[in-house]
PDB file of N, CA and C in Angstrom:
ATOM      1  N   PHE A   1       1.255  -0.997   0.430  1.00  0.00           N
ATOM      2  CA  PHE A   1      -0.112   0.171  -0.079  1.00  0.00           C
ATOM      3  C   PHE A   1       0.451   1.215   0.105  1.00  0.00           C
ATOM      4  N   HIS A   2       0.309   2.224  -0.443  1.00  0.00           N
ATOM      5  CA  HIS A   2       0.864   3.688  -0.068  1.00  0.00           C
ATOM      6  C   HIS A   2      -0.522   4.587  -0.244  1.00  0.00           C
ATOM      7  N   GLY A   3      -0.445   5.582   0.619  1.00  0.00           N
ATOM      8  CA  GLY A   3      -1.895   6.981   0.144  1.00  0.00           C
ATOM      9  C   GLY A   3      -2.446   6.147   1.165  1.00  0.00           C
ATOM     10  N   HIS A   4      -3.587   6.204   1.236  1.00  0.00           N
ATOM     11  CA  HIS A   4      -4.337   5.727   3.545  1.00  0.00           C
ATOM     12  C   HIS A   4      -5.423   4.901   2.016  1.00  0.00           C
ATOM     13  N   LEU A   5      -5.701   4.520   3.785  1.00  0.00           N
ATOM     14  CA  LEU A   5      -6.968   3.337   3.628  1.00  0.00           C
ATOM     15  C   LEU A   5      -8.048   3.348   3.347  1.00  0.00           C
ATOM     16  N   PRO A   6      -8.504   2.798   2.432  1.00  0.00           N
ATOM     17  CA  PRO A   6      -9.239   2.601   1.718  1.00  0.00           C
ATOM     18  C   PRO A   6     -10.735   2.024   1.358  1.00  0.00           C
ATOM     19  N   ILE A   7     -10.912   2.353   2.985  1.00  0.00           N
ATOM     20  CA  ILE A   7     -11.937   0.982   3.188  1.00  0.00           C
ATOM     21  C   ILE A   7     -13.456   2.198   4.752  1.00  0.00           C
ATOM     22  N   ASP A   8     -14.512   1.632   3.796  1.00  0.00           N
ATOM     23  CA  ASP A   8     -15.323   2.462   5.076  1.00  0.00           C
ATOM     24  C   ASP A   8     -15.455   1.283   6.437  1.00  0.00           C
ATOM     25  N   PHE A   9     -14.789   1.443   7.562  1.00  0.00           N
ATOM     26  CA  PHE A   9     -14.719   0.263   8.951  1.00  0.00           C
ATOM     27  C   PHE A   9     -15.928   0.763   9.463  1.00  0.00           C
ATOM     28  N   SER A  10     -16.934   1.548   9.191  1.00  0.00           N
ATOM     29  CA  SER A  10     -18.055   1.201   9.101  1.00  0.00           C
ATOM     30  C   SER A  10     -18.806  -0.067   9.030  1.00  0.00           C
ATOM     31  N   LEU A  11     -18.586  -1.201   8.072  1.00  0.00           N
ATOM     32  CA  LEU A  11     -18.757  -1.643   7.588  1.00  0.00           C
ATOM     33  C   LEU A  11     -18.306  -3.536   8.040  1.00  0.00           C
ATOM     34  N   LEU A  12     -17.143  -2.426   8.821  1.00  0.00           N
ATOM     35  CA  LEU A  12     -16.691  -3.885   9.645  1.00  0.00           C
ATOM     36  C   LEU A  12     -16.396  -4.187  11.376  1.00  0.00           C
ATOM     37  N   PRO A  13     -17.972  -3.967  11.947  1.00  0.00           N
ATOM     38  CA  PRO A  13     -18.020  -4.214  13.581  1.00  0.00           C
ATOM     39  C   PRO A  13     -17.784  -5.217  14.418  1.00  0.00           C
ATOM     40  N   GLN A  14     -17.355  -6.143  13.186  1.00  0.00           N
ATOM     41  CA  GLN A  14     -16.969  -7.572  14.408  1.00  0.00           C
ATOM     42  C   GLN A  14     -14.823  -7.345  13.748  1.00  0.00           C
ATOM     43  N   LEU A  15     -14.333  -6.700  12.757  1.00  0.00           N
ATOM     44  CA  LEU A  15     -13.768  -6.408  13.080  1.00  0.00           C
ATOM     45  C   LEU A  15     -12.960  -6.946  14.409  1.00  0.00           C
ATOM     46  N   GLU A  16     -11.667  -7.895  14.883  1.00  0.00           N
ATOM     47  CA  GLU A  16     -10.561  -7.919  15.488  1.00  0.00           C
ATOM     48  C   GLU A  16      -9.530  -7.956  15.741  1.00  0.00           C
ATOM     49  N   ASN A  17      -8.895  -7.569  14.607  1.00  0.00           N
ATOM     50  CA  ASN A  17      -7.281  -7.746  13.998  1.00  0.00           C
ATOM     51  C   ASN A  17      -7.426  -7.020  13.199  1.00  0.00           C
ATOM     52  N   LEU A  18      -6.250  -5.651  13.152  1.00  0.00           N
ATOM     53  CA  LEU A  18      -6.239  -4.459  11.943  1.00  0.00           C
ATOM     54  C   LEU A  18      -4.967  -5.046  11.697  1.00  0.00           C
ATOM     55  N   SER A  19      -4.393  -5.068  11.067  1.00  0.00           N
ATOM     56  CA  SER A  19      -2.553  -5.375  11.213  1.00  0.00           C
ATOM     57  C   SER A  19      -1.988  -4.195   9.544  1.00  0.00           C
ATOM     58  N   ILE A  20      -1.863  -3.137   9.690  1.00  0.00           N
ATOM     59  CA  ILE A  20      -2.285  -2.277   8.949  1.00  0.00           C
ATOM     60  C   ILE A  20      -0.089  -1.454   8.953  1.00  0.00           C
ATOM     61  N   GLY A  21       0.989  -2.374   9.884  1.00  0.00           N
ATOM     62  CA  GLY A  21       1.728  -1.189   9.520  1.00  0.00           C
ATOM     63  C   GLY A  21       3.084  -1.375   8.545  1.00  0.00           C
ATOM     64  N   LYS A  22       3.708  -0.619   8.777  1.00  0.00           N
ATOM     65  CA  LYS A  22       4.881  -0.775   7.406  1.00  0.00           C
ATOM     66  C   LYS A  22       4.461  -0.873   6.324  1.00  0.00           C
ATOM     67  N   ASN A  23       2.859  -0.092   6.080  1.00  0.00           N
ATOM     68  CA  ASN A  23       2.856   0.366   4.455  1.00  0.00           C
ATOM     69  C   ASN A  23       2.914   1.920   4.304  1.00  0.00           C
ATOM     70  N   ASN A  24       3.141   2.646   4.273  1.00  0.00           N
ATOM     71  CA  ASN A  24       3.485   3.984   4.158  1.00  0.00           C
ATOM     72  C   ASN A  24       2.214   4.762   3.835  1.00  0.00           C
ATOM     73  N   LEU A  25       1.428   4.206   4.739  1.00  0.00           N
ATOM     74  CA  LEU A  25      -0.104   4.845   5.093  1.00  0.00           C
ATOM     75  C   LEU A  25       0.470   5.790   5.755  1.00  0.00           C
ATOM     76  N   GLU A  26      -0.731   6.998   5.670  1.00  0.00           N
ATOM     77  CA  GLU A  26      -0.202   8.601   5.830  1.00  0.00           C
ATOM     78  C   GLU A  26      -2.035   9.147   5.640  1.00  0.00           C
ATOM     79  N   ARG A  27      -2.143  10.576   6.422  1.00  0.00           N
ATOM     80  CA  ARG A  27      -3.509  11.021   6.578  1.00  0.00           C
ATOM     81  C   ARG A  27      -3.669  10.634   7.787  1.00  0.00           C
ATOM     82  N   LEU A  28      -5.508  11.785   8.206  1.00  0.00           N
ATOM     83  CA  LEU A  28      -5.677  11.683   9.100  1.00  0.00           C
ATOM     84  C   LEU A  28      -6.217   9.377  10.368  1.00  0.00           C
ATOM     85  N   ILE A  29      -5.949   9.424  11.394  1.00  0.00           N
ATOM     86  CA  ILE A  29      -6.793   8.111  11.242  1.00  0.00           C
ATOM     87  C   ILE A  29      -8.585   8.256  10.718  1.00  0.00           C
ATOM     88  N   PRO A  30      -8.670   7.343  10.329  1.00  0.00           N
ATOM     89  CA  PRO A  30     -10.239   7.114   9.979  1.00  0.00           C
ATOM     90  C   PRO A  30     -11.125   6.824  11.486  1.00  0.00           C
ATOM     91  N   GLN A  31     -12.270   7.940  11.625  1.00  0.00           N
ATOM     92  CA  GLN A  31     -12.986   8.245  12.509  1.00  0.00           C
ATOM     93  C   GLN A  31     -13.752   6.961  12.549  1.00  0.00           C
ATOM     94  N   THR A  32     -13.802   7.008  11.099  1.00  0.00           N
ATOM     95  CA  THR A  32     -15.107   4.832  10.735  1.00  0.00           C
ATOM     96  C   THR A  32     -14.700   3.963  12.118  1.00  0.00           C
ATOM     97  N   LEU A  33     -13.467   3.875  12.383  1.00  0.00           N
ATOM     98  CA  LEU A  33     -12.406   2.748  13.240  1.00  0.00           C
ATOM     99  C   LEU A  33     -13.903   3.025  13.762  1.00  0.00           C
ATOM    100  N   SER A  34     -14.275   4.144  14.840  1.00  0.00           N
ATOM    101  CA  SER A  34     -15.052   3.575  16.012  1.00  0.00           C
ATOM    102  C   SER A  34     -15.458   2.733  16.463  1.00  0.00           C
ATOM    103  N   HIS A  35     -16.532   2.545  14.807  1.00  0.00           N
ATOM    104  CA  HIS A  35     -16.932   1.863  14.888  1.00  0.00           C
ATOM    105  C   HIS A  35     -16.628  -0.043  14.897  1.00  0.00           C
ATOM    106  N   CYS A  36     -15.857   0.109  14.659  1.00  0.00           N
ATOM    107  CA  CYS A  36     -15.321  -1.637  14.569  1.00  0.00           C
ATOM    108  C   CYS A  36     -15.726  -1.871  16.433  1.00  0.00           C
ATOM    109  N   GLN A  37     -16.820  -2.269  16.873  1.00  0.00           N
ATOM    110  CA  GLN A  37     -16.741  -2.595  18.246  1.00  0.00           C
ATOM    111  C   GLN A  37     -15.990  -3.404  18.965  1.00  0.00           C
ATOM    112  N   GLY A  38     -15.850  -5.119  17.843  1.00  0.00           N
ATOM    113  CA  GLY A  38     -15.208  -5.305  18.525  1.00  0.00           C
ATOM    114  C   GLY A  38     -13.649  -5.746  18.440  1.00  0.00           C
ATOM    115  N   LEU A  39     -12.725  -4.594  18.448  1.00  0.00           N
ATOM    116  CA  LEU A  39     -11.381  -4.872  17.112  1.00  0.00           C
ATOM    117  C   LEU A  39     -10.956  -4.824  19.061  1.00  0.00           C
ATOM    118  N   GLN A  40      -9.480  -5.478  18.786  1.00  0.00           N
ATOM    119  CA  GLN A  40      -9.206  -5.622  19.864  1.00  0.00           C
ATOM    120  C   GLN A  40      -7.336  -5.503  19.816  1.00  0.00           C
ATOM    121  N   ILE A  41      -7.385  -5.731  18.147  1.00  0.00           N
ATOM    122  CA  ILE A  41      -5.597  -5.197  18.029  1.00  0.00           C
ATOM    123  C   ILE A  41      -5.530  -4.584  16.571  1.00  0.00           C
ATOM    124  N   LEU A  42      -4.853  -3.518  17.143  1.00  0.00           N
ATOM    125  CA  LEU A  42      -4.683  -2.466  16.226  1.00  0.00           C
ATOM    126  C   LEU A  42      -3.208  -1.971  15.705  1.00  0.00           C
ATOM    127  N   SER A  43      -2.464  -3.134  15.036  1.00  0.00           N
ATOM    128  CA  SER A  43      -0.856  -2.797  15.150  1.00  0.00           C
ATOM    129  C   SER A  43      -1.096  -1.445  13.222  1.00  0.00           C
ATOM    130  N   ALA A  44      -0.063  -1.157  13.739  1.00  0.00           N
ATOM    131  CA  ALA A  44      -0.628   0.619  12.876  1.00  0.00           C
ATOM    132  C   ALA A  44       1.282   1.241  12.458  1.00  0.00           C
ATOM    133  N   GLN A  45       2.093   0.249  12.910  1.00  0.00           N
ATOM    134  CA  GLN A  45       3.653   1.311  13.290  1.00  0.00           C
ATOM    135  C   GLN A  45       3.631   1.472  11.760  1.00  0.00           C
ATOM    136  N   ASP A  46       5.265   2.675  12.279  1.00  0.00           N
ATOM    137  CA  ASP A  46       5.991   2.696  10.699  1.00  0.00           C
ATOM    138  C   ASP A  46       4.534   3.177   9.507  1.00  0.00           C
ATOM    139  N   ASN A  47       4.229   3.629   9.983  1.00  0.00           N
ATOM    140  CA  ASN A  47       3.323   4.518   9.227  1.00  0.00           C
ATOM    141  C   ASN A  47       3.075   6.454   8.818  1.00  0.00           C
ATOM    142  N   GLN A  48       2.311   6.926   8.322  1.00  0.00           N
ATOM    143  CA  GLN A  48       2.716   8.873   8.983  1.00  0.00           C
ATOM    144  C   GLN A  48       1.668   8.900   9.112  1.00  0.00           C
ATOM    145  N   PHE A  49       0.470   8.133  10.046  1.00  0.00           N
ATOM    146  CA  PHE A  49      -0.536   8.795  10.059  1.00  0.00           C
ATOM    147  C   PHE A  49      -0.620   9.540  11.490  1.00  0.00           C
ATOM    148  N   TYR A  50      -2.280  10.653  11.155  1.00  0.00           N
ATOM    149  CA  TYR A  50      -2.054  11.606  12.329  1.00  0.00           C
ATOM    150  C   TYR A  50      -3.019  12.227  12.809  1.00  0.00           C
ATOM    151  N   GLY A  51      -3.591  12.468  14.370  1.00  0.00           N
ATOM    152  CA  GLY A  51      -4.597  12.301  14.735  1.00  0.00           C
ATOM    153  C   GLY A  51      -4.984  11.244  16.408  1.00  0.00           C
ATOM    154  N   SER A  52      -6.137  11.959  16.255  1.00  0.00           N
ATOM    155  CA  SER A  52      -6.510  10.241  17.497  1.00  0.00           C
ATOM    156  C   SER A  52      -7.011   8.830  17.186  1.00  0.00           C
ATOM    157  N   ILE A  53      -6.817   8.039  17.482  1.00  0.00           N
ATOM    158  CA  ILE A  53      -7.481   7.502  17.853  1.00  0.00           C
ATOM    159  C   ILE A  53      -8.428   7.113  18.592  1.00  0.00           C
ATOM    160  N   PRO A  54      -9.940   6.739  17.401  1.00  0.00           N
ATOM    161  CA  PRO A  54     -11.692   6.781  17.643  1.00  0.00           C
ATOM    162  C   PRO A  54     -11.457   6.047  18.121  1.00  0.00           C
TER     163      PRO A  54
END
């Protein structure tokens, strides 16, 4: 990957593990990530995200 996350996280409420580290991703962390109520693990190291995790 390179760029931003091309996904609407509101469609993934059952998502438990999101591993997107080392992908050169950038931009604001998507606010729709807050819809992933089952999210237990978020691995996003070595990217260029900014903003707070919702």
